[in-house]
Amino acid sequence: MELAARIAVLFVGVLHVLFMYMEMVLFPTDKGRKIFGVKKEDVETMRVLAANQGIYNGALAAVLIWAEFAGQVDTVKAMLIFVVVVGIYGAATASRSILFLQVIPAVIALGLVFAV
């Protein structure tokens, strides 16, 4: 069970690294615009906001991954709870897909961490 929890936590961390990449690098590209459903004429206006969101996702990933490797279980739990709360807000206000991409993996990881 401990290995499953560790893998799940690291999976959530890697997901947020990918979110950072999409928001900071892919956002202004054709592929990024398609992923985020943004019109070409709106990209420059939204680019800074997306990059800001990306840096938050990167920082979250860094702390979560560090906490997992450092054995800081309380920090891991706090970060996963943060991911769940922010993901629920995002699903309610931006896109329901956030529920599946962010919330469910974090809830699974959190359940496994509490079970260990």
PDB file of N, CA and C in Angstrom:
ATOM      1  N   MET A   1       0.834  -1.201   0.000  1.00  0.00           N
ATOM      2  CA  MET A   1       0.000   0.000   0.000  1.00  0.00           C
ATOM      3  C   MET A   1       0.873   1.258   0.000  1.00  0.00           C
ATOM      4  N   GLU A   2       1.984   1.211   0.717  1.00  0.00           N
ATOM      5  CA  GLU A   2       2.866   2.377   0.768  1.00  0.00           C
ATOM      6  C   GLU A   2       3.417   2.711  -0.626  1.00  0.00           C
ATOM      7  N   LEU A   3       3.784   1.693  -1.388  1.00  0.00           N
ATOM      8  CA  LEU A   3       4.295   1.914  -2.743  1.00  0.00           C
ATOM      9  C   LEU A   3       3.203   2.522  -3.632  1.00  0.00           C
ATOM     10  N   ALA A   4       1.991   2.026  -3.505  1.00  0.00           N
ATOM     11  CA  ALA A   4       0.878   2.569  -4.295  1.00  0.00           C
ATOM     12  C   ALA A   4       0.645   4.042  -3.954  1.00  0.00           C
ATOM     13  N   ALA A   5       0.722   4.380  -2.679  1.00  0.00           N
ATOM     14  CA  ALA A   5       0.542   5.772  -2.254  1.00  0.00           C
ATOM     15  C   ALA A   5       1.642   6.642  -2.845  1.00  0.00           C
ATOM     16  N   ARG A   6       2.867   6.165  -2.778  1.00  0.00           N
ATOM     17  CA  ARG A   6       4.000   6.937  -3.297  1.00  0.00           C
ATOM     18  C   ARG A   6       3.849   7.164  -4.804  1.00  0.00           C
ATOM     19  N   ILE A   7       3.492   6.118  -5.519  1.00  0.00           N
ATOM     20  CA  ILE A   7       3.311   6.237  -6.970  1.00  0.00           C
ATOM     21  C   ILE A   7       2.188   7.226  -7.288  1.00  0.00           C
ATOM     22  N   ALA A   8       1.088   7.134  -6.545  1.00  0.00           N
ATOM     23  CA  ALA A   8      -0.047   8.028  -6.784  1.00  0.00           C
ATOM     24  C   ALA A   8       0.334   9.491  -6.520  1.00  0.00           C
ATOM     25  N   VAL A   9       1.062   9.740  -5.442  1.00  0.00           N
ATOM     26  CA  VAL A   9       1.492  11.108  -5.115  1.00  0.00           C
ATOM     27  C   VAL A   9       2.411  11.645  -6.209  1.00  0.00           C
ATOM     28  N   LEU A  10       3.371  10.833  -6.616  1.00  0.00           N
ATOM     29  CA  LEU A  10       4.297  11.268  -7.659  1.00  0.00           C
ATOM     30  C   LEU A  10       3.578  11.466  -8.991  1.00  0.00           C
ATOM     31  N   PHE A  11       2.567  10.650  -9.255  1.00  0.00           N
ATOM     32  CA  PHE A  11       1.762  10.820 -10.462  1.00  0.00           C
ATOM     33  C   PHE A  11       1.087  12.190 -10.463  1.00  0.00           C
ATOM     34  N   VAL A  12       0.513  12.573  -9.331  1.00  0.00           N
ATOM     35  CA  VAL A  12      -0.130  13.886  -9.217  1.00  0.00           C
ATOM     36  C   VAL A  12       0.920  14.985  -9.440  1.00  0.00           C
ATOM     37  N   GLY A  13       2.104  14.819  -8.875  1.00  0.00           N
ATOM     38  CA  GLY A  13       3.178  15.793  -9.082  1.00  0.00           C
ATOM     39  C   GLY A  13       3.555  15.918 -10.547  1.00  0.00           C
ATOM     40  N   VAL A  14       3.707  14.798 -11.226  1.00  0.00           N
ATOM     41  CA  VAL A  14       4.059  14.811 -12.647  1.00  0.00           C
ATOM     42  C   VAL A  14       2.938  15.444 -13.475  1.00  0.00           C
ATOM     43  N   LEU A  15       1.693  15.155 -13.127  1.00  0.00           N
ATOM     44  CA  LEU A  15       0.570  15.802 -13.824  1.00  0.00           C
ATOM     45  C   LEU A  15       0.693  17.322 -13.765  1.00  0.00           C
ATOM     46  N   HIS A  16       1.057  17.836 -12.592  1.00  0.00           N
ATOM     47  CA  HIS A  16       1.149  19.286 -12.446  1.00  0.00           C
ATOM     48  C   HIS A  16       2.363  19.860 -13.178  1.00  0.00           C
ATOM     49  N   VAL A  17       3.409  19.082 -13.333  1.00  0.00           N
ATOM     50  CA  VAL A  17       4.524  19.511 -14.188  1.00  0.00           C
ATOM     51  C   VAL A  17       4.017  19.615 -15.633  1.00  0.00           C
ATOM     52  N   LEU A  18       3.225  18.644 -16.057  1.00  0.00           N
ATOM     53  CA  LEU A  18       2.657  18.681 -17.409  1.00  0.00           C
ATOM     54  C   LEU A  18       1.709  19.869 -17.578  1.00  0.00           C
ATOM     55  N   PHE A  19       0.894  20.154 -16.560  1.00  0.00           N
ATOM     56  CA  PHE A  19       0.009  21.315 -16.623  1.00  0.00           C
ATOM     57  C   PHE A  19       0.839  22.591 -16.781  1.00  0.00           C
ATOM     58  N   MET A  20       1.945  22.668 -16.026  1.00  0.00           N
ATOM     59  CA  MET A  20       2.827  23.826 -16.129  1.00  0.00           C
ATOM     60  C   MET A  20       3.354  23.969 -17.553  1.00  0.00           C
ATOM     61  N   TYR A  21       3.802  22.875 -18.126  1.00  0.00           N
ATOM     62  CA  TYR A  21       4.330  22.901 -19.489  1.00  0.00           C
ATOM     63  C   TYR A  21       3.258  23.373 -20.476  1.00  0.00           C
ATOM     64  N   MET A  22       2.065  22.837 -20.324  1.00  0.00           N
ATOM     65  CA  MET A  22       0.985  23.232 -21.235  1.00  0.00           C
ATOM     66  C   MET A  22       0.656  24.715 -21.096  1.00  0.00           C
ATOM     67  N   GLU A  23       0.635  25.213 -19.867  1.00  0.00           N
ATOM     68  CA  GLU A  23       0.245  26.603 -19.634  1.00  0.00           C
ATOM     69  C   GLU A  23       1.355  27.598 -19.967  1.00  0.00           C
ATOM     70  N   MET A  24       2.601  27.191 -19.785  1.00  0.00           N
ATOM     71  CA  MET A  24       3.699  28.123 -20.002  1.00  0.00           C
ATOM     72  C   MET A  24       4.327  28.019 -21.397  1.00  0.00           C
ATOM     73  N   VAL A  25       4.294  26.833 -21.986  1.00  0.00           N
ATOM     74  CA  VAL A  25       4.977  26.620 -23.259  1.00  0.00           C
ATOM     75  C   VAL A  25       3.984  26.409 -24.400  1.00  0.00           C
ATOM     76  N   LEU A  26       3.042  25.499 -24.208  1.00  0.00           N
ATOM     77  CA  LEU A  26       2.130  25.155 -25.302  1.00  0.00           C
ATOM     78  C   LEU A  26       1.022  26.169 -25.525  1.00  0.00           C
ATOM     79  N   PHE A  27       0.670  26.931 -24.511  1.00  0.00           N
ATOM     80  CA  PHE A  27      -0.502  27.806 -24.587  1.00  0.00           C
ATOM     81  C   PHE A  27      -0.586  28.630 -25.872  1.00  0.00           C
ATOM     82  N   PRO A  28       0.475  29.332 -26.282  1.00  0.00           N
ATOM     83  CA  PRO A  28       0.329  30.177 -27.477  1.00  0.00           C
ATOM     84  C   PRO A  28       0.407  29.429 -28.810  1.00  0.00           C
ATOM     85  N   THR A  29       0.675  28.146 -28.779  1.00  0.00           N
ATOM     86  CA  THR A  29       0.786  27.376 -30.019  1.00  0.00           C
ATOM     87  C   THR A  29      -0.591  26.916 -30.491  1.00  0.00           C
ATOM     88  N   ASP A  30      -0.643  26.443 -31.725  1.00  0.00           N
ATOM     89  CA  ASP A  30      -1.907  25.912 -32.260  1.00  0.00           C
ATOM     90  C   ASP A  30      -2.436  24.790 -31.372  1.00  0.00           C
ATOM     91  N   LYS A  31      -1.545  23.896 -30.963  1.00  0.00           N
ATOM     92  CA  LYS A  31      -1.946  22.776 -30.107  1.00  0.00           C
ATOM     93  C   LYS A  31      -2.477  23.280 -28.762  1.00  0.00           C
ATOM     94  N   GLY A  32      -1.787  24.249 -28.183  1.00  0.00           N
ATOM     95  CA  GLY A  32      -2.218  24.817 -26.903  1.00  0.00           C
ATOM     96  C   GLY A  32      -3.555  25.511 -27.000  1.00  0.00           C
ATOM     97  N   ARG A  33      -3.735  26.263 -28.090  1.00  0.00           N
ATOM     98  CA  ARG A  33      -5.023  26.938 -28.281  1.00  0.00           C
ATOM     99  C   ARG A  33      -6.157  25.928 -28.390  1.00  0.00           C
ATOM    100  N   LYS A  34      -5.868  24.814 -29.054  1.00  0.00           N
ATOM    101  CA  LYS A  34      -6.889  23.772 -29.186  1.00  0.00           C
ATOM    102  C   LYS A  34      -7.190  23.132 -27.826  1.00  0.00           C
ATOM    103  N   ILE A  35      -6.147  22.830 -27.056  1.00  0.00           N
ATOM    104  CA  ILE A  35      -6.322  22.229 -25.722  1.00  0.00           C
ATOM    105  C   ILE A  35      -7.165  23.135 -24.829  1.00  0.00           C
ATOM    106  N   PHE A  36      -6.853  24.429 -24.839  1.00  0.00           N
ATOM    107  CA  PHE A  36      -7.519  25.363 -23.931  1.00  0.00           C
ATOM    108  C   PHE A  36      -8.749  26.038 -24.539  1.00  0.00           C
ATOM    109  N   GLY A  37      -9.003  25.779 -25.818  1.00  0.00           N
ATOM    110  CA  GLY A  37     -10.170  26.372 -26.466  1.00  0.00           C
ATOM    111  C   GLY A  37     -10.098  27.879 -26.574  1.00  0.00           C
ATOM    112  N   VAL A  38      -8.915  28.392 -26.912  1.00  0.00           N
ATOM    113  CA  VAL A  38      -8.693  29.833 -26.979  1.00  0.00           C
ATOM    114  C   VAL A  38      -8.579  30.269 -28.440  1.00  0.00           C
ATOM    115  N   LYS A  39      -9.216  31.363 -28.771  1.00  0.00           N
ATOM    116  CA  LYS A  39      -9.118  31.912 -30.115  1.00  0.00           C
ATOM    117  C   LYS A  39      -7.745  32.548 -30.310  1.00  0.00           C
ATOM    118  N   LYS A  40      -7.261  32.493 -31.542  1.00  0.00           N
ATOM    119  CA  LYS A  40      -5.939  33.024 -31.860  1.00  0.00           C
ATOM    120  C   LYS A  40      -5.801  34.490 -31.422  1.00  0.00           C
ATOM    121  N   GLU A  41      -6.851  35.264 -31.623  1.00  0.00           N
ATOM    122  CA  GLU A  41      -6.779  36.683 -31.280  1.00  0.00           C
ATOM    123  C   GLU A  41      -6.769  36.945 -29.768  1.00  0.00           C
ATOM    124  N   ASP A  42      -7.126  35.950 -28.979  1.00  0.00           N
ATOM    125  CA  ASP A  42      -7.142  36.110 -27.522  1.00  0.00           C
ATOM    126  C   ASP A  42      -5.858  35.626 -26.839  1.00  0.00           C
ATOM    127  N   VAL A  43      -4.990  34.975 -27.586  1.00  0.00           N
ATOM    128  CA  VAL A  43      -3.800  34.357 -26.984  1.00  0.00           C
ATOM    129  C   VAL A  43      -2.915  35.374 -26.276  1.00  0.00           C
ATOM    130  N   GLU A  44      -2.594  36.461 -26.924  1.00  0.00           N
ATOM    131  CA  GLU A  44      -1.669  37.423 -26.309  1.00  0.00           C
ATOM    132  C   GLU A  44      -2.242  38.034 -25.036  1.00  0.00           C
ATOM    133  N   THR A  45      -3.535  38.250 -25.019  1.00  0.00           N
ATOM    134  CA  THR A  45      -4.180  38.803 -23.833  1.00  0.00           C
ATOM    135  C   THR A  45      -4.122  37.811 -22.666  1.00  0.00           C
ATOM    136  N   MET A  46      -4.271  36.538 -22.972  1.00  0.00           N
ATOM    137  CA  MET A  46      -4.360  35.516 -21.926  1.00  0.00           C
ATOM    138  C   MET A  46      -3.020  34.843 -21.605  1.00  0.00           C
ATOM    139  N   ARG A  47      -2.012  35.087 -22.418  1.00  0.00           N
ATOM    140  CA  ARG A  47      -0.734  34.386 -22.279  1.00  0.00           C
ATOM    141  C   ARG A  47      -0.106  34.559 -20.898  1.00  0.00           C
ATOM    142  N   VAL A  48      -0.088  35.772 -20.380  1.00  0.00           N
ATOM    143  CA  VAL A  48       0.514  36.036 -19.076  1.00  0.00           C
ATOM    144  C   VAL A  48      -0.273  35.334 -17.974  1.00  0.00           C
ATOM    145  N   LEU A  49      -1.591  35.330 -18.085  1.00  0.00           N
ATOM    146  CA  LEU A  49      -2.419  34.648 -17.087  1.00  0.00           C
ATOM    147  C   LEU A  49      -2.154  33.146 -17.094  1.00  0.00           C
ATOM    148  N   ALA A  50      -2.037  32.579 -18.288  1.00  0.00           N
ATOM    149  CA  ALA A  50      -1.758  31.148 -18.398  1.00  0.00           C
ATOM    150  C   ALA A  50      -0.392  30.826 -17.821  1.00  0.00           C
ATOM    151  N   ALA A  51       0.600  31.660 -18.109  1.00  0.00           N
ATOM    152  CA  ALA A  51       1.946  31.430 -17.584  1.00  0.00           C
ATOM    153  C   ALA A  51       1.959  31.544 -16.057  1.00  0.00           C
ATOM    154  N   ASN A  52       1.193  32.494 -15.531  1.00  0.00           N
ATOM    155  CA  ASN A  52       1.105  32.646 -14.079  1.00  0.00           C
ATOM    156  C   ASN A  52       0.497  31.393 -13.451  1.00  0.00           C
ATOM    157  N   GLN A  53      -0.548  30.896 -14.063  1.00  0.00           N
ATOM    158  CA  GLN A  53      -1.173  29.658 -13.589  1.00  0.00           C
ATOM    159  C   GLN A  53      -0.181  28.500 -13.693  1.00  0.00           C
ATOM    160  N   GLY A  54       0.598  28.494 -14.761  1.00  0.00           N
ATOM    161  CA  GLY A  54       1.595  27.450 -14.962  1.00  0.00           C
ATOM    162  C   GLY A  54       2.665  27.446 -13.890  1.00  0.00           C
ATOM    163  N   ILE A  55       3.119  28.625 -13.492  1.00  0.00           N
ATOM    164  CA  ILE A  55       4.169  28.671 -12.470  1.00  0.00           C
ATOM    165  C   ILE A  55       3.621  28.177 -11.127  1.00  0.00           C
ATOM    166  N   TYR A  56       2.370  28.445 -10.853  1.00  0.00           N
ATOM    167  CA  TYR A  56       1.752  27.908  -9.638  1.00  0.00           C
ATOM    168  C   TYR A  56       1.691  26.384  -9.693  1.00  0.00           C
ATOM    169  N   ASN A  57       1.317  25.839 -10.837  1.00  0.00           N
ATOM    170  CA  ASN A  57       1.280  24.386 -10.974  1.00  0.00           C
ATOM    171  C   ASN A  57       2.673  23.787 -10.833  1.00  0.00           C
ATOM    172  N   GLY A  58       3.672  24.456 -11.366  1.00  0.00           N
ATOM    173  CA  GLY A  58       5.049  23.981 -11.229  1.00  0.00           C
ATOM    174  C   GLY A  58       5.522  24.012  -9.785  1.00  0.00           C
ATOM    175  N   ALA A  59       5.204  25.091  -9.084  1.00  0.00           N
ATOM    176  CA  ALA A  59       5.587  25.203  -7.675  1.00  0.00           C
ATOM    177  C   ALA A  59       4.875  24.143  -6.836  1.00  0.00           C
ATOM    178  N   LEU A  60       3.606  23.946  -7.112  1.00  0.00           N
ATOM    179  CA  LEU A  60       2.856  22.910  -6.405  1.00  0.00           C
ATOM    180  C   LEU A  60       3.498  21.546  -6.625  1.00  0.00           C
ATOM    181  N   ALA A  61       3.848  21.249  -7.874  1.00  0.00           N
ATOM    182  CA  ALA A  61       4.494  19.974  -8.202  1.00  0.00           C
ATOM    183  C   ALA A  61       5.813  19.837  -7.465  1.00  0.00           C
ATOM    184  N   ALA A  62       6.605  20.898  -7.446  1.00  0.00           N
ATOM    185  CA  ALA A  62       7.911  20.854  -6.790  1.00  0.00           C
ATOM    186  C   ALA A  62       7.770  20.552  -5.303  1.00  0.00           C
ATOM    187  N   VAL A  63       6.851  21.235  -4.634  1.00  0.00           N
ATOM    188  CA  VAL A  63       6.658  21.013  -3.197  1.00  0.00           C
ATOM    189  C   VAL A  63       6.123  19.610  -2.940  1.00  0.00           C
ATOM    190  N   LEU A  64       5.167  19.177  -3.740  1.00  0.00           N
ATOM    191  CA  LEU A  64       4.577  17.849  -3.554  1.00  0.00           C
ATOM    192  C   LEU A  64       5.627  16.751  -3.745  1.00  0.00           C
ATOM    193  N   ILE A  65       6.402  16.852  -4.800  1.00  0.00           N
ATOM    194  CA  ILE A  65       7.422  15.836  -5.072  1.00  0.00           C
ATOM    195  C   ILE A  65       8.519  15.880  -4.006  1.00  0.00           C
ATOM    196  N   TRP A  66       8.951  17.087  -3.631  1.00  0.00           N
ATOM    197  CA  TRP A  66       9.954  17.206  -2.561  1.00  0.00           C
ATOM    198  C   TRP A  66       9.421  16.585  -1.272  1.00  0.00           C
ATOM    199  N   ALA A  67       8.193  16.920  -0.903  1.00  0.00           N
ATOM    200  CA  ALA A  67       7.620  16.418   0.349  1.00  0.00           C
ATOM    201  C   ALA A  67       7.530  14.897   0.339  1.00  0.00           C
ATOM    202  N   GLU A  68       7.190  14.328  -0.797  1.00  0.00           N
ATOM    203  CA  GLU A  68       7.101  12.868  -0.890  1.00  0.00           C
ATOM    204  C   GLU A  68       8.466  12.234  -0.668  1.00  0.00           C
ATOM    205  N   PHE A  69       9.485  12.740  -1.340  1.00  0.00           N
ATOM    206  CA  PHE A  69      10.827  12.165  -1.187  1.00  0.00           C
ATOM    207  C   PHE A  69      11.446  12.458   0.174  1.00  0.00           C
ATOM    208  N   ALA A  70      11.041  13.571   0.794  1.00  0.00           N
ATOM    209  CA  ALA A  70      11.575  13.933   2.110  1.00  0.00           C
ATOM    210  C   ALA A  70      10.812  13.275   3.252  1.00  0.00           C
ATOM    211  N   GLY A  71       9.758  12.554   2.921  1.00  0.00           N
ATOM    212  CA  GLY A  71       8.973  11.891   3.957  1.00  0.00           C
ATOM    213  C   GLY A  71       8.122  12.841   4.778  1.00  0.00           C
ATOM    214  N   GLN A  72       7.785  13.979   4.215  1.00  0.00           N
ATOM    215  CA  GLN A  72       6.966  14.979   4.912  1.00  0.00           C
ATOM    216  C   GLN A  72       5.487  14.697   4.652  1.00  0.00           C
ATOM    217  N   VAL A  73       4.957  13.705   5.344  1.00  0.00           N
ATOM    218  CA  VAL A  73       3.601  13.218   5.079  1.00  0.00           C
ATOM    219  C   VAL A  73       2.545  14.303   5.285  1.00  0.00           C
ATOM    220  N   ASP A  74       2.703  15.111   6.320  1.00  0.00           N
ATOM    221  CA  ASP A  74       1.711  16.168   6.552  1.00  0.00           C
ATOM    222  C   ASP A  74       1.699  17.177   5.407  1.00  0.00           C
ATOM    223  N   THR A  75       2.869  17.487   4.873  1.00  0.00           N
ATOM    224  CA  THR A  75       2.943  18.406   3.735  1.00  0.00           C
ATOM    225  C   THR A  75       2.317  17.777   2.498  1.00  0.00           C
ATOM    226  N   VAL A  76       2.571  16.496   2.277  1.00  0.00           N
ATOM    227  CA  VAL A  76       1.959  15.777   1.152  1.00  0.00           C
ATOM    228  C   VAL A  76       0.441  15.850   1.274  1.00  0.00           C
ATOM    229  N   LYS A  77      -0.078  15.569   2.457  1.00  0.00           N
ATOM    230  CA  LYS A  77      -1.528  15.616   2.669  1.00  0.00           C
ATOM    231  C   LYS A  77      -2.080  17.022   2.401  1.00  0.00           C
ATOM    232  N   ALA A  78      -1.391  18.032   2.928  1.00  0.00           N
ATOM    233  CA  ALA A  78      -1.851  19.410   2.749  1.00  0.00           C
ATOM    234  C   ALA A  78      -1.862  19.798   1.267  1.00  0.00           C
ATOM    235  N   MET A  79      -0.823  19.410   0.545  1.00  0.00           N
ATOM    236  CA  MET A  79      -0.745  19.745  -0.875  1.00  0.00           C
ATOM    237  C   MET A  79      -1.833  19.019  -1.675  1.00  0.00           C
ATOM    238  N   LEU A  80      -2.089  17.773  -1.342  1.00  0.00           N
ATOM    239  CA  LEU A  80      -3.135  17.028  -2.045  1.00  0.00           C
ATOM    240  C   LEU A  80      -4.514  17.607  -1.750  1.00  0.00           C
ATOM    241  N   ILE A  81      -4.741  18.010  -0.511  1.00  0.00           N
ATOM    242  CA  ILE A  81      -6.012  18.666  -0.172  1.00  0.00           C
ATOM    243  C   ILE A  81      -6.141  19.965  -0.960  1.00  0.00           C
ATOM    244  N   PHE A  82      -5.063  20.710  -1.069  1.00  0.00           N
ATOM    245  CA  PHE A  82      -5.043  21.935  -1.864  1.00  0.00           C
ATOM    246  C   PHE A  82      -5.418  21.637  -3.316  1.00  0.00           C
ATOM    247  N   VAL A  83      -4.828  20.596  -3.894  1.00  0.00           N
ATOM    248  CA  VAL A  83      -5.122  20.210  -5.275  1.00  0.00           C
ATOM    249  C   VAL A  83      -6.609  19.887  -5.434  1.00  0.00           C
ATOM    250  N   VAL A  84      -7.173  19.158  -4.479  1.00  0.00           N
ATOM    251  CA  VAL A  84      -8.581  18.783  -4.550  1.00  0.00           C
ATOM    252  C   VAL A  84      -9.475  20.026  -4.484  1.00  0.00           C
ATOM    253  N   VAL A  85      -9.210  20.904  -3.537  1.00  0.00           N
ATOM    254  CA  VAL A  85     -10.045  22.104  -3.375  1.00  0.00           C
ATOM    255  C   VAL A  85      -9.958  23.000  -4.610  1.00  0.00           C
ATOM    256  N   VAL A  86      -8.740  23.263  -5.067  1.00  0.00           N
ATOM    257  CA  VAL A  86      -8.568  24.117  -6.243  1.00  0.00           C
ATOM    258  C   VAL A  86      -9.167  23.450  -7.481  1.00  0.00           C
ATOM    259  N   GLY A  87      -9.024  22.138  -7.567  1.00  0.00           N
ATOM    260  CA  GLY A  87      -9.589  21.408  -8.703  1.00  0.00           C
ATOM    261  C   GLY A  87     -11.107  21.458  -8.729  1.00  0.00           C
ATOM    262  N   ILE A  88     -11.722  21.343  -7.579  1.00  0.00           N
ATOM    263  CA  ILE A  88     -13.187  21.441  -7.503  1.00  0.00           C
ATOM    264  C   ILE A  88     -13.629  22.835  -7.943  1.00  0.00           C
ATOM    265  N   TYR A  89     -12.927  23.849  -7.485  1.00  0.00           N
ATOM    266  CA  TYR A  89     -13.252  25.212  -7.905  1.00  0.00           C
ATOM    267  C   TYR A  89     -13.082  25.356  -9.424  1.00  0.00           C
ATOM    268  N   GLY A  90     -11.979  24.841  -9.938  1.00  0.00           N
ATOM    269  CA  GLY A  90     -11.734  24.908 -11.379  1.00  0.00           C
ATOM    270  C   GLY A  90     -12.789  24.168 -12.182  1.00  0.00           C
ATOM    271  N   ALA A  91     -13.211  23.021 -11.691  1.00  0.00           N
ATOM    272  CA  ALA A  91     -14.245  22.250 -12.383  1.00  0.00           C
ATOM    273  C   ALA A  91     -15.579  22.996 -12.372  1.00  0.00           C
ATOM    274  N   ALA A  92     -15.854  23.705 -11.290  1.00  0.00           N
ATOM    275  CA  ALA A  92     -17.111  24.446 -11.171  1.00  0.00           C
ATOM    276  C   ALA A  92     -17.107  25.725 -12.002  1.00  0.00           C
ATOM    277  N   THR A  93     -15.921  26.321 -12.184  1.00  0.00           N
ATOM    278  CA  THR A  93     -15.873  27.633 -12.833  1.00  0.00           C
ATOM    279  C   THR A  93     -15.258  27.634 -14.232  1.00  0.00           C
ATOM    280  N   ALA A  94     -14.411  26.670 -14.544  1.00  0.00           N
ATOM    281  CA  ALA A  94     -13.698  26.718 -15.826  1.00  0.00           C
ATOM    282  C   ALA A  94     -14.051  25.547 -16.734  1.00  0.00           C
ATOM    283  N   SER A  95     -13.801  24.319 -16.261  1.00  0.00           N
ATOM    284  CA  SER A  95     -14.015  23.149 -17.118  1.00  0.00           C
ATOM    285  C   SER A  95     -14.211  21.902 -16.263  1.00  0.00           C
ATOM    286  N   ARG A  96     -15.242  21.154 -16.581  1.00  0.00           N
ATOM    287  CA  ARG A  96     -15.511  19.913 -15.847  1.00  0.00           C
ATOM    288  C   ARG A  96     -14.397  18.884 -16.000  1.00  0.00           C
ATOM    289  N   SER A  97     -13.621  19.001 -17.069  1.00  0.00           N
ATOM    290  CA  SER A  97     -12.534  18.041 -17.291  1.00  0.00           C
ATOM    291  C   SER A  97     -11.501  18.097 -16.170  1.00  0.00           C
ATOM    292  N   ILE A  98     -11.425  19.219 -15.474  1.00  0.00           N
ATOM    293  CA  ILE A  98     -10.496  19.350 -14.345  1.00  0.00           C
ATOM    294  C   ILE A  98     -10.820  18.328 -13.270  1.00  0.00           C
ATOM    295  N   LEU A  99     -12.079  17.975 -13.150  1.00  0.00           N
ATOM    296  CA  LEU A  99     -12.495  16.961 -12.183  1.00  0.00           C
ATOM    297  C   LEU A  99     -11.767  15.643 -12.439  1.00  0.00           C
ATOM    298  N   PHE A 100     -11.646  15.286 -13.704  1.00  0.00           N
ATOM    299  CA  PHE A 100     -11.025  14.008 -14.062  1.00  0.00           C
ATOM    300  C   PHE A 100      -9.508  14.104 -14.145  1.00  0.00           C
ATOM    301  N   LEU A 101      -9.009  15.243 -14.579  1.00  0.00           N
ATOM    302  CA  LEU A 101      -7.570  15.396 -14.771  1.00  0.00           C
ATOM    303  C   LEU A 101      -6.823  15.735 -13.485  1.00  0.00           C
ATOM    304  N   GLN A 102      -7.496  16.403 -12.555  1.00  0.00           N
ATOM    305  CA  GLN A 102      -6.821  16.898 -11.364  1.00  0.00           C
ATOM    306  C   GLN A 102      -7.421  16.347 -10.072  1.00  0.00           C
ATOM    307  N   VAL A 103      -8.722  16.439  -9.927  1.00  0.00           N
ATOM    308  CA  VAL A 103      -9.348  16.094  -8.644  1.00  0.00           C
ATOM    309  C   VAL A 103      -9.303  14.594  -8.365  1.00  0.00           C
ATOM    310  N   ILE A 104      -9.740  13.784  -9.305  1.00  0.00           N
ATOM    311  CA  ILE A 104      -9.806  12.338  -9.055  1.00  0.00           C
ATOM    312  C   ILE A 104      -8.433  11.744  -8.749  1.00  0.00           C
ATOM    313  N   PRO A 105      -7.382  12.066  -9.536  1.00  0.00           N
ATOM    314  CA  PRO A 105      -6.066  11.525  -9.168  1.00  0.00           C
ATOM    315  C   PRO A 105      -5.608  11.970  -7.768  1.00  0.00           C
ATOM    316  N   ALA A 106      -5.900  13.228  -7.416  1.00  0.00           N
ATOM    317  CA  ALA A 106      -5.496  13.719  -6.095  1.00  0.00           C
ATOM    318  C   ALA A 106      -6.289  13.052  -4.978  1.00  0.00           C
ATOM    319  N   VAL A 107      -7.573  12.819  -5.194  1.00  0.00           N
ATOM    320  CA  VAL A 107      -8.400  12.134  -4.184  1.00  0.00           C
ATOM    321  C   VAL A 107      -7.898  10.701  -3.980  1.00  0.00           C
ATOM    322  N   ILE A 108      -7.572  10.027  -5.066  1.00  0.00           N
ATOM    323  CA  ILE A 108      -7.038   8.662  -4.964  1.00  0.00           C
ATOM    324  C   ILE A 108      -5.723   8.677  -4.186  1.00  0.00           C
ATOM    325  N   ALA A 109      -4.830   9.589  -4.559  1.00  0.00           N
ATOM    326  CA  ALA A 109      -3.539   9.685  -3.868  1.00  0.00           C
ATOM    327  C   ALA A 109      -3.741  10.003  -2.389  1.00  0.00           C
ATOM    328  N   LEU A 110      -4.636  10.935  -2.110  1.00  0.00           N
ATOM    329  CA  LEU A 110      -4.901  11.322  -0.718  1.00  0.00           C
ATOM    330  C   LEU A 110      -5.454  10.131   0.071  1.00  0.00           C
ATOM    331  N   GLY A 111      -6.384   9.403  -0.513  1.00  0.00           N
ATOM    332  CA  GLY A 111      -6.923   8.210   0.160  1.00  0.00           C
ATOM    333  C   GLY A 111      -5.847   7.194   0.453  1.00  0.00           C
ATOM    334  N   LEU A 112      -4.959   6.962  -0.494  1.00  0.00           N
ATOM    335  CA  LEU A 112      -3.864   6.014  -0.285  1.00  0.00           C
ATOM    336  C   LEU A 112      -2.894   6.490   0.776  1.00  0.00           C
ATOM    337  N   VAL A 113      -2.602   7.785   0.786  1.00  0.00           N
ATOM    338  CA  VAL A 113      -1.687   8.331   1.808  1.00  0.00           C
ATOM    339  C   VAL A 113      -2.302   8.194   3.193  1.00  0.00           C
ATOM    340  N   PHE A 114      -3.586   8.476   3.321  1.00  0.00           N
ATOM    341  CA  PHE A 114      -4.241   8.323   4.627  1.00  0.00           C
ATOM    342  C   PHE A 114      -4.332   6.861   5.054  1.00  0.00           C
ATOM    343  N   ALA A 115      -4.382   5.955   4.073  1.00  0.00           N
ATOM    344  CA  ALA A 115      -4.509   4.533   4.383  1.00  0.00           C
ATOM    345  C   ALA A 115      -3.189   3.907   4.872  1.00  0.00           C
ATOM    346  N   VAL A 116      -2.084   4.580   4.582  1.00  0.00           N
ATOM    347  CA  VAL A 116      -0.766   4.014   4.961  1.00  0.00           C
ATOM    348  C   VAL A 116      -0.511   4.218   6.433  1.00  0.00           C
TER     349      VAL A 116
END
